Amino acid sequence: MKYAYQVMIIGGISFAGEILNKLLPLPVPASVYGLIIMLVALLTGILKLDQVKGAADFLVEIMPVMFIPAGAGLVESWSALKPICVQVVVIMFVSTIVVMVISGRVTQFVIRRNRKA
């Protein structure tokens, strides 16, 4: 019952993000609105981490399963991707390197900042 309640909280926040997406004329995905609402709720204390931690941990654990339909869609779209395969691989490689470098730099910055504090 505890997990059902936690999933309902996360679902409600996601739904609020969907509503904001429809109401605000900004090009921001509903999931981003939901993440911002969740962050604000956690930072302000409106929502305690214990109220969503169990369901959130479960959702993170099953996240790889959620990519299976996208992978199947890529396999079905191979005929459209084949002519641009080299470009897609180069973009994936470059963007992966950029994300790794930025993530590393941000992590180093946070670690150094925490050591000084």
PDB file of N, CA and C in Angstrom:
ATOM      1  N   MET A   1       0.819  -1.195   0.000  1.00  0.00           N
ATOM      2  CA  MET A   1       0.000   0.000   0.000  1.00  0.00           C
ATOM      3  C   MET A   1       0.866   1.264   0.000  1.00  0.00           C
ATOM      4  N   LYS A   2       2.006   1.158   0.682  1.00  0.00           N
ATOM      5  CA  LYS A   2       2.924   2.297   0.761  1.00  0.00           C
ATOM      6  C   LYS A   2       3.417   2.683  -0.632  1.00  0.00           C
ATOM      7  N   TYR A   3       3.770   1.674  -1.444  1.00  0.00           N
ATOM      8  CA  TYR A   3       4.291   1.957  -2.775  1.00  0.00           C
ATOM      9  C   TYR A   3       3.210   2.511  -3.692  1.00  0.00           C
ATOM     10  N   ALA A   4       1.982   2.044  -3.529  1.00  0.00           N
ATOM     11  CA  ALA A   4       0.879   2.565  -4.334  1.00  0.00           C
ATOM     12  C   ALA A   4       0.693   4.060  -4.059  1.00  0.00           C
ATOM     13  N   TYR A   5       0.777   4.442  -2.801  1.00  0.00           N
ATOM     14  CA  TYR A   5       0.662   5.845  -2.421  1.00  0.00           C
ATOM     15  C   TYR A   5       1.802   6.658  -3.037  1.00  0.00           C
ATOM     16  N   GLN A   6       3.018   6.118  -2.991  1.00  0.00           N
ATOM     17  CA  GLN A   6       4.172   6.822  -3.554  1.00  0.00           C
ATOM     18  C   GLN A   6       4.041   6.981  -5.063  1.00  0.00           C
ATOM     19  N   VAL A   7       3.576   5.935  -5.732  1.00  0.00           N
ATOM     20  CA  VAL A   7       3.381   6.008  -7.187  1.00  0.00           C
ATOM     21  C   VAL A   7       2.288   7.026  -7.511  1.00  0.00           C
ATOM     22  N   MET A   8       1.251   7.090  -6.665  1.00  0.00           N
ATOM     23  CA  MET A   8       0.192   8.080  -6.894  1.00  0.00           C
ATOM     24  C   MET A   8       0.733   9.502  -6.741  1.00  0.00           C
ATOM     25  N   ILE A   9       1.631   9.727  -5.801  1.00  0.00           N
ATOM     26  CA  ILE A   9       2.236  11.060  -5.642  1.00  0.00           C
ATOM     27  C   ILE A   9       3.045  11.413  -6.883  1.00  0.00           C
ATOM     28  N   ILE A  10       3.888  10.488  -7.320  1.00  0.00           N
ATOM     29  CA  ILE A  10       4.709  10.743  -8.513  1.00  0.00           C
ATOM     30  C   ILE A  10       3.821  10.939  -9.737  1.00  0.00           C
ATOM     31  N   GLY A  11       2.785  10.124  -9.860  1.00  0.00           N
ATOM     32  CA  GLY A  11       1.848  10.272 -10.982  1.00  0.00           C
ATOM     33  C   GLY A  11       1.106  11.591 -10.940  1.00  0.00           C
ATOM     34  N   GLY A  12       0.724  12.031  -9.742  1.00  0.00           N
ATOM     35  CA  GLY A  12       0.045  13.315  -9.607  1.00  0.00           C
ATOM     36  C   GLY A  12       0.933  14.478 -10.004  1.00  0.00           C
ATOM     37  N   ILE A  13       2.185  14.397  -9.621  1.00  0.00           N
ATOM     38  CA  ILE A  13       3.126  15.452  -9.998  1.00  0.00           C
ATOM     39  C   ILE A  13       3.360  15.439 -11.509  1.00  0.00           C
ATOM     40  N   SER A  14       3.445  14.249 -12.092  1.00  0.00           N
ATOM     41  CA  SER A  14       3.583  14.151 -13.553  1.00  0.00           C
ATOM     42  C   SER A  14       2.353  14.718 -14.247  1.00  0.00           C
ATOM     43  N   PHE A  15       1.174  14.448 -13.690  1.00  0.00           N
ATOM     44  CA  PHE A  15      -0.064  14.986 -14.252  1.00  0.00           C
ATOM     45  C   PHE A  15      -0.085  16.511 -14.169  1.00  0.00           C
ATOM     46  N   ALA A  16       0.388  17.054 -13.046  1.00  0.00           N
ATOM     47  CA  ALA A  16       0.476  18.510 -12.899  1.00  0.00           C
ATOM     48  C   ALA A  16       1.409  19.089 -13.965  1.00  0.00           C
ATOM     49  N   GLY A  17       2.486  18.364 -14.269  1.00  0.00           N
ATOM     50  CA  GLY A  17       3.383  18.791 -15.342  1.00  0.00           C
ATOM     51  C   GLY A  17       2.685  18.800 -16.690  1.00  0.00           C
ATOM     52  N   GLU A  18       1.833  17.797 -16.931  1.00  0.00           N
ATOM     53  CA  GLU A  18       1.063  17.757 -18.179  1.00  0.00           C
ATOM     54  C   GLU A  18       0.118  18.947 -18.273  1.00  0.00           C
ATOM     55  N   ILE A  19      -0.518  19.277 -17.159  1.00  0.00           N
ATOM     56  CA  ILE A  19      -1.441  20.419 -17.146  1.00  0.00           C
ATOM     57  C   ILE A  19      -0.678  21.714 -17.434  1.00  0.00           C
ATOM     58  N   LEU A  20       0.480  21.883 -16.774  1.00  0.00           N
ATOM     59  CA  LEU A  20       1.286  23.085 -17.036  1.00  0.00           C
ATOM     60  C   LEU A  20       1.707  23.162 -18.500  1.00  0.00           C
ATOM     61  N   ASN A  21       2.031  22.027 -19.077  1.00  0.00           N
ATOM     62  CA  ASN A  21       2.439  21.987 -20.477  1.00  0.00           C
ATOM     63  C   ASN A  21       1.318  22.499 -21.377  1.00  0.00           C
ATOM     64  N   LYS A  22       0.081  22.146 -21.048  1.00  0.00           N
ATOM     65  CA  LYS A  22      -1.055  22.589 -21.867  1.00  0.00           C
ATOM     66  C   LYS A  22      -1.391  24.058 -21.618  1.00  0.00           C
ATOM     67  N   LEU A  23      -1.179  24.545 -20.380  1.00  0.00           N
ATOM     68  CA  LEU A  23      -1.558  25.913 -20.042  1.00  0.00           C
ATOM     69  C   LEU A  23      -0.522  26.955 -20.453  1.00  0.00           C
ATOM     70  N   LEU A  24       0.752  26.627 -20.306  1.00  0.00           N
ATOM     71  CA  LEU A  24       1.803  27.601 -20.596  1.00  0.00           C
ATOM     72  C   LEU A  24       2.255  27.477 -22.053  1.00  0.00           C
ATOM     73  N   PRO A  25       2.405  28.595 -22.739  1.00  0.00           N
ATOM     74  CA  PRO A  25       2.787  28.545 -24.155  1.00  0.00           C
ATOM     75  C   PRO A  25       4.303  28.456 -24.366  1.00  0.00           C
ATOM     76  N   LEU A  26       4.978  27.693 -23.536  1.00  0.00           N
ATOM     77  CA  LEU A  26       6.429  27.562 -23.656  1.00  0.00           C
ATOM     78  C   LEU A  26       6.782  26.215 -24.285  1.00  0.00           C
ATOM     79  N   PRO A  27       7.882  26.149 -25.022  1.00  0.00           N
ATOM     80  CA  PRO A  27       8.276  24.878 -25.645  1.00  0.00           C
ATOM     81  C   PRO A  27       9.045  23.971 -24.670  1.00  0.00           C
ATOM     82  N   VAL A  28       8.422  23.677 -23.531  1.00  0.00           N
ATOM     83  CA  VAL A  28       9.049  22.855 -22.495  1.00  0.00           C
ATOM     84  C   VAL A  28       8.231  21.574 -22.370  1.00  0.00           C
ATOM     85  N   PRO A  29       8.879  20.409 -22.396  1.00  0.00           N
ATOM     86  CA  PRO A  29       8.140  19.149 -22.262  1.00  0.00           C
ATOM     87  C   PRO A  29       7.467  19.037 -20.895  1.00  0.00           C
ATOM     88  N   ALA A  30       6.359  18.329 -20.864  1.00  0.00           N
ATOM     89  CA  ALA A  30       5.605  18.148 -19.626  1.00  0.00           C
ATOM     90  C   ALA A  30       6.449  17.451 -18.562  1.00  0.00           C
ATOM     91  N   SER A  31       7.315  16.537 -18.978  1.00  0.00           N
ATOM     92  CA  SER A  31       8.149  15.823 -18.005  1.00  0.00           C
ATOM     93  C   SER A  31       9.107  16.769 -17.293  1.00  0.00           C
ATOM     94  N   VAL A  32       9.573  17.791 -17.977  1.00  0.00           N
ATOM     95  CA  VAL A  32      10.460  18.774 -17.353  1.00  0.00           C
ATOM     96  C   VAL A  32       9.682  19.584 -16.322  1.00  0.00           C
ATOM     97  N   TYR A  33       8.462  19.968 -16.658  1.00  0.00           N
ATOM     98  CA  TYR A  33       7.628  20.645 -15.673  1.00  0.00           C
ATOM     99  C   TYR A  33       7.425  19.766 -14.443  1.00  0.00           C
ATOM    100  N   GLY A  34       7.168  18.492 -14.659  1.00  0.00           N
ATOM    101  CA  GLY A  34       6.989  17.568 -13.547  1.00  0.00           C
ATOM    102  C   GLY A  34       8.238  17.470 -12.682  1.00  0.00           C
ATOM    103  N   LEU A  35       9.401  17.405 -13.320  1.00  0.00           N
ATOM    104  CA  LEU A  35      10.655  17.350 -12.561  1.00  0.00           C
ATOM    105  C   LEU A  35      10.876  18.620 -11.746  1.00  0.00           C
ATOM    106  N   ILE A  36      10.531  19.751 -12.322  1.00  0.00           N
ATOM    107  CA  ILE A  36      10.686  21.019 -11.610  1.00  0.00           C
ATOM    108  C   ILE A  36       9.731  21.076 -10.415  1.00  0.00           C
ATOM    109  N   ILE A  37       8.502  20.628 -10.617  1.00  0.00           N
ATOM    110  CA  ILE A  37       7.541  20.596  -9.509  1.00  0.00           C
ATOM    111  C   ILE A  37       8.054  19.683  -8.401  1.00  0.00           C
ATOM    112  N   MET A  38       8.565  18.517  -8.778  1.00  0.00           N
ATOM    113  CA  MET A  38       9.088  17.571  -7.777  1.00  0.00           C
ATOM    114  C   MET A  38      10.266  18.185  -7.034  1.00  0.00           C
ATOM    115  N   LEU A  39      11.178  18.835  -7.753  1.00  0.00           N
ATOM    116  CA  LEU A  39      12.340  19.465  -7.126  1.00  0.00           C
ATOM    117  C   LEU A  39      11.909  20.540  -6.134  1.00  0.00           C
ATOM    118  N   VAL A  40      10.988  21.400  -6.550  1.00  0.00           N
ATOM    119  CA  VAL A  40      10.518  22.473  -5.674  1.00  0.00           C
ATOM    120  C   VAL A  40       9.822  21.882  -4.443  1.00  0.00           C
ATOM    121  N   ALA A  41       9.008  20.859  -4.649  1.00  0.00           N
ATOM    122  CA  ALA A  41       8.305  20.233  -3.522  1.00  0.00           C
ATOM    123  C   ALA A  41       9.296  19.622  -2.534  1.00  0.00           C
ATOM    124  N   LEU A  42      10.351  18.998  -3.043  1.00  0.00           N
ATOM    125  CA  LEU A  42      11.347  18.392  -2.154  1.00  0.00           C
ATOM    126  C   LEU A  42      12.192  19.459  -1.450  1.00  0.00           C
ATOM    127  N   LEU A  43      12.583  20.497  -2.173  1.00  0.00           N
ATOM    128  CA  LEU A  43      13.428  21.531  -1.580  1.00  0.00           C
ATOM    129  C   LEU A  43      12.687  22.368  -0.536  1.00  0.00           C
ATOM    130  N   THR A  44      11.409  22.591  -0.758  1.00  0.00           N
ATOM    131  CA  THR A  44      10.645  23.414   0.176  1.00  0.00           C
ATOM    132  C   THR A  44      10.105  22.612   1.350  1.00  0.00           C
ATOM    133  N   GLY A  45      10.188  21.309   1.278  1.00  0.00           N
ATOM    134  CA  GLY A  45       9.692  20.482   2.374  1.00  0.00           C
ATOM    135  C   GLY A  45       8.225  20.132   2.250  1.00  0.00           C
ATOM    136  N   ILE A  46       7.572  20.577   1.176  1.00  0.00           N
ATOM    137  CA  ILE A  46       6.173  20.201   0.949  1.00  0.00           C
ATOM    138  C   ILE A  46       6.072  18.680   0.846  1.00  0.00           C
ATOM    139  N   LEU A  47       7.083  18.101   0.241  1.00  0.00           N
ATOM    140  CA  LEU A  47       7.160  16.656   0.057  1.00  0.00           C
ATOM    141  C   LEU A  47       8.454  16.170   0.689  1.00  0.00           C
ATOM    142  N   LYS A  48       8.360  15.147   1.482  1.00  0.00           N
ATOM    143  CA  LYS A  48       9.548  14.550   2.105  1.00  0.00           C
ATOM    144  C   LYS A  48      10.062  13.429   1.203  1.00  0.00           C
ATOM    145  N   LEU A  49      11.370  13.241   1.200  1.00  0.00           N
ATOM    146  CA  LEU A  49      11.977  12.218   0.356  1.00  0.00           C
ATOM    147  C   LEU A  49      11.420  10.833   0.667  1.00  0.00           C
ATOM    148  N   ASP A  50      11.157  10.557   1.931  1.00  0.00           N
ATOM    149  CA  ASP A  50      10.621   9.246   2.319  1.00  0.00           C
ATOM    150  C   ASP A  50       9.258   8.975   1.696  1.00  0.00           C
ATOM    151  N   GLN A  51       8.535  10.028   1.323  1.00  0.00           N
ATOM    152  CA  GLN A  51       7.209   9.856   0.746  1.00  0.00           C
ATOM    153  C   GLN A  51       7.240   9.337  -0.684  1.00  0.00           C
ATOM    154  N   VAL A  52       8.387   9.393  -1.354  1.00  0.00           N
ATOM    155  CA  VAL A  52       8.473   8.936  -2.737  1.00  0.00           C
ATOM    156  C   VAL A  52       9.682   8.042  -3.018  1.00  0.00           C
ATOM    157  N   LYS A  53      10.560   7.858  -2.051  1.00  0.00           N
ATOM    158  CA  LYS A  53      11.832   7.173  -2.290  1.00  0.00           C
ATOM    159  C   LYS A  53      11.663   5.735  -2.780  1.00  0.00           C
ATOM    160  N   GLY A  54      10.788   4.968  -2.161  1.00  0.00           N
ATOM    161  CA  GLY A  54      10.632   3.560  -2.548  1.00  0.00           C
ATOM    162  C   GLY A  54      10.192   3.397  -3.987  1.00  0.00           C
ATOM    163  N   ALA A  55       9.156   4.132  -4.385  1.00  0.00           N
ATOM    164  CA  ALA A  55       8.659   4.055  -5.759  1.00  0.00           C
ATOM    165  C   ALA A  55       9.684   4.615  -6.739  1.00  0.00           C
ATOM    166  N   ALA A  56      10.373   5.694  -6.349  1.00  0.00           N
ATOM    167  CA  ALA A  56      11.379   6.288  -7.233  1.00  0.00           C
ATOM    168  C   ALA A  56      12.534   5.318  -7.459  1.00  0.00           C
ATOM    169  N   ASP A  57      12.969   4.652  -6.400  1.00  0.00           N
ATOM    170  CA  ASP A  57      14.041   3.660  -6.550  1.00  0.00           C
ATOM    171  C   ASP A  57      13.615   2.550  -7.494  1.00  0.00           C
ATOM    172  N   PHE A  58      12.375   2.080  -7.340  1.00  0.00           N
ATOM    173  CA  PHE A  58      11.866   1.027  -8.221  1.00  0.00           C
ATOM    174  C   PHE A  58      11.844   1.494  -9.669  1.00  0.00           C
ATOM    175  N   LEU A  59      11.354   2.708  -9.915  1.00  0.00           N
ATOM    176  CA  LEU A  59      11.277   3.230 -11.280  1.00  0.00           C
ATOM    177  C   LEU A  59      12.661   3.383 -11.903  1.00  0.00           C
ATOM    178  N   VAL A  60      13.632   3.780 -11.105  1.00  0.00           N
ATOM    179  CA  VAL A  60      15.002   3.894 -11.624  1.00  0.00           C
ATOM    180  C   VAL A  60      15.558   2.508 -11.958  1.00  0.00           C
ATOM    181  N   GLU A  61      15.232   1.519 -11.142  1.00  0.00           N
ATOM    182  CA  GLU A  61      15.731   0.157 -11.386  1.00  0.00           C
ATOM    183  C   GLU A  61      15.177  -0.435 -12.673  1.00  0.00           C
ATOM    184  N   ILE A  62      13.918  -0.137 -12.994  1.00  0.00           N
ATOM    185  CA  ILE A  62      13.319  -0.722 -14.202  1.00  0.00           C
ATOM    186  C   ILE A  62      13.474   0.172 -15.430  1.00  0.00           C
ATOM    187  N   MET A  63      14.179   1.286 -15.288  1.00  0.00           N
ATOM    188  CA  MET A  63      14.343   2.215 -16.398  1.00  0.00           C
ATOM    189  C   MET A  63      14.885   1.555 -17.672  1.00  0.00           C
ATOM    190  N   PRO A  64      15.880   0.667 -17.585  1.00  0.00           N
ATOM    191  CA  PRO A  64      16.365   0.055 -18.831  1.00  0.00           C
ATOM    192  C   PRO A  64      15.283  -0.679 -19.611  1.00  0.00           C
ATOM    193  N   VAL A  65      14.311  -1.244 -18.926  1.00  0.00           N
ATOM    194  CA  VAL A  65      13.223  -1.958 -19.600  1.00  0.00           C
ATOM    195  C   VAL A  65      12.400  -0.997 -20.447  1.00  0.00           C
ATOM    196  N   MET A  66      12.320   0.246 -20.014  1.00  0.00           N
ATOM    197  CA  MET A  66      11.532   1.233 -20.735  1.00  0.00           C
ATOM    198  C   MET A  66      12.146   1.601 -22.091  1.00  0.00           C
ATOM    199  N   PHE A  67      13.412   1.262 -22.300  1.00  0.00           N
ATOM    200  CA  PHE A  67      14.063   1.580 -23.570  1.00  0.00           C
ATOM    201  C   PHE A  67      13.860   0.495 -24.625  1.00  0.00           C
ATOM    202  N   ILE A  68      13.289  -0.633 -24.254  1.00  0.00           N
ATOM    203  CA  ILE A  68      13.085  -1.727 -25.203  1.00  0.00           C
ATOM    204  C   ILE A  68      12.176  -1.309 -26.364  1.00  0.00           C
ATOM    205  N   PRO A  69      11.024  -0.653 -26.114  1.00  0.00           N
ATOM    206  CA  PRO A  69      10.197  -0.234 -27.259  1.00  0.00           C
ATOM    207  C   PRO A  69      10.921   0.733 -28.193  1.00  0.00           C
ATOM    208  N   ALA A  70      11.719   1.635 -27.630  1.00  0.00           N
ATOM    209  CA  ALA A  70      12.465   2.573 -28.487  1.00  0.00           C
ATOM    210  C   ALA A  70      13.472   1.823 -29.342  1.00  0.00           C
ATOM    211  N   GLY A  71      14.150   0.835 -28.759  1.00  0.00           N
ATOM    212  CA  GLY A  71      15.100   0.022 -29.523  1.00  0.00           C
ATOM    213  C   GLY A  71      14.409  -0.762 -30.624  1.00  0.00           C
ATOM    214  N   ALA A  72      13.241  -1.307 -30.313  1.00  0.00           N
ATOM    215  CA  ALA A  72      12.482  -2.042 -31.331  1.00  0.00           C
ATOM    216  C   ALA A  72      12.053  -1.107 -32.457  1.00  0.00           C
ATOM    217  N   GLY A  73      11.702   0.131 -32.096  1.00  0.00           N
ATOM    218  CA  GLY A  73      11.335   1.108 -33.118  1.00  0.00           C
ATOM    219  C   GLY A  73      12.499   1.440 -34.036  1.00  0.00           C
ATOM    220  N   LEU A  74      13.706   1.492 -33.468  1.00  0.00           N
ATOM    221  CA  LEU A  74      14.886   1.741 -34.305  1.00  0.00           C
ATOM    222  C   LEU A  74      15.126   0.590 -35.274  1.00  0.00           C
ATOM    223  N   VAL A  75      14.931  -0.625 -34.803  1.00  0.00           N
ATOM    224  CA  VAL A  75      15.121  -1.780 -35.678  1.00  0.00           C
ATOM    225  C   VAL A  75      14.109  -1.737 -36.819  1.00  0.00           C
ATOM    226  N   GLU A  76      12.870  -1.370 -36.517  1.00  0.00           N
ATOM    227  CA  GLU A  76      11.846  -1.278 -37.555  1.00  0.00           C
ATOM    228  C   GLU A  76      12.130  -0.139 -38.535  1.00  0.00           C
ATOM    229  N   SER A  77      12.810   0.902 -38.086  1.00  0.00           N
ATOM    230  CA  SER A  77      13.096   2.063 -38.928  1.00  0.00           C
ATOM    231  C   SER A  77      14.445   1.961 -39.622  1.00  0.00           C
ATOM    232  N   TRP A  78      15.045   0.805 -39.644  1.00  0.00           N
ATOM    233  CA  TRP A  78      16.391   0.663 -40.193  1.00  0.00           C
ATOM    234  C   TRP A  78      16.476   1.150 -41.626  1.00  0.00           C
ATOM    235  N   SER A  79      15.444   0.922 -42.426  1.00  0.00           N
ATOM    236  CA  SER A  79      15.498   1.356 -43.823  1.00  0.00           C
ATOM    237  C   SER A  79      15.622   2.881 -43.929  1.00  0.00           C
ATOM    238  N   ALA A  80      15.017   3.613 -43.015  1.00  0.00           N
ATOM    239  CA  ALA A  80      15.125   5.082 -43.027  1.00  0.00           C
ATOM    240  C   ALA A  80      16.453   5.540 -42.434  1.00  0.00           C
ATOM    241  N   LEU A  81      16.997   4.773 -41.484  1.00  0.00           N
ATOM    242  CA  LEU A  81      18.248   5.165 -40.836  1.00  0.00           C
ATOM    243  C   LEU A  81      19.493   4.768 -41.625  1.00  0.00           C
ATOM    244  N   LYS A  82      19.370   3.767 -42.456  1.00  0.00           N
ATOM    245  CA  LYS A  82      20.543   3.237 -43.168  1.00  0.00           C
ATOM    246  C   LYS A  82      21.309   4.310 -43.952  1.00  0.00           C
ATOM    247  N   PRO A  83      20.645   5.198 -44.702  1.00  0.00           N
ATOM    248  CA  PRO A  83      21.401   6.205 -45.460  1.00  0.00           C
ATOM    249  C   PRO A  83      22.146   7.224 -44.584  1.00  0.00           C
ATOM    250  N   ILE A  84      21.684   7.424 -43.366  1.00  0.00           N
ATOM    251  CA  ILE A  84      22.325   8.420 -42.498  1.00  0.00           C
ATOM    252  C   ILE A  84      23.013   7.771 -41.298  1.00  0.00           C
ATOM    253  N   CYS A  85      23.326   6.516 -41.422  1.00  0.00           N
ATOM    254  CA  CYS A  85      23.900   5.750 -40.311  1.00  0.00           C
ATOM    255  C   CYS A  85      25.219   6.359 -39.823  1.00  0.00           C
ATOM    256  N   VAL A  86      26.099   6.741 -40.720  1.00  0.00           N
ATOM    257  CA  VAL A  86      27.394   7.288 -40.330  1.00  0.00           C
ATOM    258  C   VAL A  86      27.202   8.595 -39.548  1.00  0.00           C
ATOM    259  N   GLN A  87      26.328   9.464 -40.052  1.00  0.00           N
ATOM    260  CA  GLN A  87      26.077  10.725 -39.363  1.00  0.00           C
ATOM    261  C   GLN A  87      25.508  10.479 -37.960  1.00  0.00           C
ATOM    262  N   VAL A  88      24.586   9.543 -37.834  1.00  0.00           N
ATOM    263  CA  VAL A  88      23.982   9.246 -36.533  1.00  0.00           C
ATOM    264  C   VAL A  88      25.039   8.725 -35.567  1.00  0.00           C
ATOM    265  N   VAL A  89      25.909   7.838 -36.018  1.00  0.00           N
ATOM    266  CA  VAL A  89      26.949   7.289 -35.155  1.00  0.00           C
ATOM    267  C   VAL A  89      27.921   8.392 -34.725  1.00  0.00           C
ATOM    268  N   VAL A  90      28.288   9.281 -35.625  1.00  0.00           N
ATOM    269  CA  VAL A  90      29.194  10.383 -35.276  1.00  0.00           C
ATOM    270  C   VAL A  90      28.533  11.303 -34.248  1.00  0.00           C
ATOM    271  N   ILE A  91      27.273  11.638 -34.472  1.00  0.00           N
ATOM    272  CA  ILE A  91      26.559  12.492 -33.525  1.00  0.00           C
ATOM    273  C   ILE A  91      26.474  11.818 -32.163  1.00  0.00           C
ATOM    274  N   MET A  92      26.180  10.529 -32.127  1.00  0.00           N
ATOM    275  CA  MET A  92      26.108   9.808 -30.851  1.00  0.00           C
ATOM    276  C   MET A  92      27.451   9.808 -30.152  1.00  0.00           C
ATOM    277  N   PHE A  93      28.513   9.578 -30.889  1.00  0.00           N
ATOM    278  CA  PHE A  93      29.844   9.547 -30.296  1.00  0.00           C
ATOM    279  C   PHE A  93      30.226  10.916 -29.730  1.00  0.00           C
ATOM    280  N   VAL A  94      30.040  11.960 -30.528  1.00  0.00           N
ATOM    281  CA  VAL A  94      30.414  13.312 -30.088  1.00  0.00           C
ATOM    282  C   VAL A  94      29.565  13.731 -28.891  1.00  0.00           C
ATOM    283  N   SER A  95      28.253  13.506 -28.948  1.00  0.00           N
ATOM    284  CA  SER A  95      27.397  13.926 -27.840  1.00  0.00           C
ATOM    285  C   SER A  95      27.702  13.136 -26.573  1.00  0.00           C
ATOM    286  N   THR A  96      28.077  11.866 -26.695  1.00  0.00           N
ATOM    287  CA  THR A  96      28.448  11.081 -25.519  1.00  0.00           C
ATOM    288  C   THR A  96      29.707  11.654 -24.877  1.00  0.00           C
ATOM    289  N   ILE A  97      30.701  11.999 -25.682  1.00  0.00           N
ATOM    290  CA  ILE A  97      31.934  12.580 -25.158  1.00  0.00           C
ATOM    291  C   ILE A  97      31.639  13.920 -24.475  1.00  0.00           C
ATOM    292  N   VAL A  98      30.811  14.754 -25.109  1.00  0.00           N
ATOM    293  CA  VAL A  98      30.472  16.059 -24.527  1.00  0.00           C
ATOM    294  C   VAL A  98      29.774  15.875 -23.184  1.00  0.00           C
ATOM    295  N   VAL A  99      28.816  14.962 -23.109  1.00  0.00           N
ATOM    296  CA  VAL A  99      28.100  14.720 -21.851  1.00  0.00           C
ATOM    297  C   VAL A  99      29.056  14.199 -20.778  1.00  0.00           C
ATOM    298  N   MET A 100      29.977  13.311 -21.156  1.00  0.00           N
ATOM    299  CA  MET A 100      30.938  12.783 -20.177  1.00  0.00           C
ATOM    300  C   MET A 100      31.841  13.889 -19.644  1.00  0.00           C
ATOM    301  N   VAL A 101      32.333  14.751 -20.540  1.00  0.00           N
ATOM    302  CA  VAL A 101      33.230  15.835 -20.120  1.00  0.00           C
ATOM    303  C   VAL A 101      32.493  16.815 -19.212  1.00  0.00           C
ATOM    304  N   ILE A 102      31.297  17.231 -19.607  1.00  0.00           N
ATOM    305  CA  ILE A 102      30.545  18.186 -18.796  1.00  0.00           C
ATOM    306  C   ILE A 102      30.175  17.568 -17.451  1.00  0.00           C
ATOM    307  N   SER A 103      29.754  16.321 -17.447  1.00  0.00           N
ATOM    308  CA  SER A 103      29.406  15.654 -16.183  1.00  0.00           C
ATOM    309  C   SER A 103      30.624  15.572 -15.266  1.00  0.00           C
ATOM    310  N   GLY A 104      31.769  15.234 -15.832  1.00  0.00           N
ATOM    311  CA  GLY A 104      32.995  15.161 -15.039  1.00  0.00           C
ATOM    312  C   GLY A 104      33.382  16.506 -14.459  1.00  0.00           C
ATOM    313  N   ARG A 105      33.288  17.549 -15.269  1.00  0.00           N
ATOM    314  CA  ARG A 105      33.640  18.897 -14.794  1.00  0.00           C
ATOM    315  C   ARG A 105      32.688  19.355 -13.689  1.00  0.00           C
ATOM    316  N   VAL A 106      31.410  19.127 -13.876  1.00  0.00           N
ATOM    317  CA  VAL A 106      30.442  19.522 -12.853  1.00  0.00           C
ATOM    318  C   VAL A 106      30.690  18.739 -11.564  1.00  0.00           C
ATOM    319  N   THR A 107      30.965  17.452 -11.683  1.00  0.00           N
ATOM    320  CA  THR A 107      31.249  16.639 -10.502  1.00  0.00           C
ATOM    321  C   THR A 107      32.492  17.144  -9.783  1.00  0.00           C
ATOM    322  N   GLN A 108      33.555  17.451 -10.528  1.00  0.00           N
ATOM    323  CA  GLN A 108      34.767  17.990  -9.918  1.00  0.00           C
ATOM    324  C   GLN A 108      34.490  19.315  -9.223  1.00  0.00           C
ATOM    325  N   PHE A 109      33.697  20.170  -9.841  1.00  0.00           N
ATOM    326  CA  PHE A 109      33.349  21.457  -9.242  1.00  0.00           C
ATOM    327  C   PHE A 109      32.605  21.259  -7.922  1.00  0.00           C
ATOM    328  N   VAL A 110      31.635  20.356  -7.927  1.00  0.00           N
ATOM    329  CA  VAL A 110      30.846  20.111  -6.708  1.00  0.00           C
ATOM    330  C   VAL A 110      31.722  19.517  -5.611  1.00  0.00           C
ATOM    331  N   ILE A 111      32.602  18.601  -5.962  1.00  0.00           N
ATOM    332  CA  ILE A 111      33.493  17.998  -4.963  1.00  0.00           C
ATOM    333  C   ILE A 111      34.415  19.057  -4.365  1.00  0.00           C
ATOM    334  N   ARG A 112      35.010  19.887  -5.204  1.00  0.00           N
ATOM    335  CA  ARG A 112      35.893  20.954  -4.708  1.00  0.00           C
ATOM    336  C   ARG A 112      35.126  21.945  -3.838  1.00  0.00           C
ATOM    337  N   ARG A 113      33.944  22.269  -4.246  1.00  0.00           N
ATOM    338  CA  ARG A 113      33.119  23.210  -3.476  1.00  0.00           C
ATOM    339  C   ARG A 113      32.768  22.628  -2.109  1.00  0.00           C
ATOM    340  N   ASN A 114      32.459  21.353  -2.056  1.00  0.00           N
ATOM    341  CA  ASN A 114      32.117  20.714  -0.778  1.00  0.00           C
ATOM    342  C   ASN A 114      33.333  20.600   0.134  1.00  0.00           C
ATOM    343  N   ARG A 115      34.518  20.445  -0.428  1.00  0.00           N
ATOM    344  CA  ARG A 115      35.736  20.376   0.391  1.00  0.00           C
ATOM    345  C   ARG A 115      36.027  21.709   1.058  1.00  0.00           C
ATOM    346  N   LYS A 116      35.748  22.820   0.342  1.00  0.00           N
ATOM    347  CA  LYS A 116      35.997  24.146   0.886  1.00  0.00           C
ATOM    348  C   LYS A 116      34.986  24.497   1.975  1.00  0.00           C
ATOM    349  N   ALA A 117      33.793  23.960   1.881  1.00  0.00           N
ATOM    350  CA  ALA A 117      32.726  24.321   2.855  1.00  0.00           C
ATOM    351  C   ALA A 117      32.878  23.605   4.170  1.00  0.00           C
TER     352      ALA A 117
END
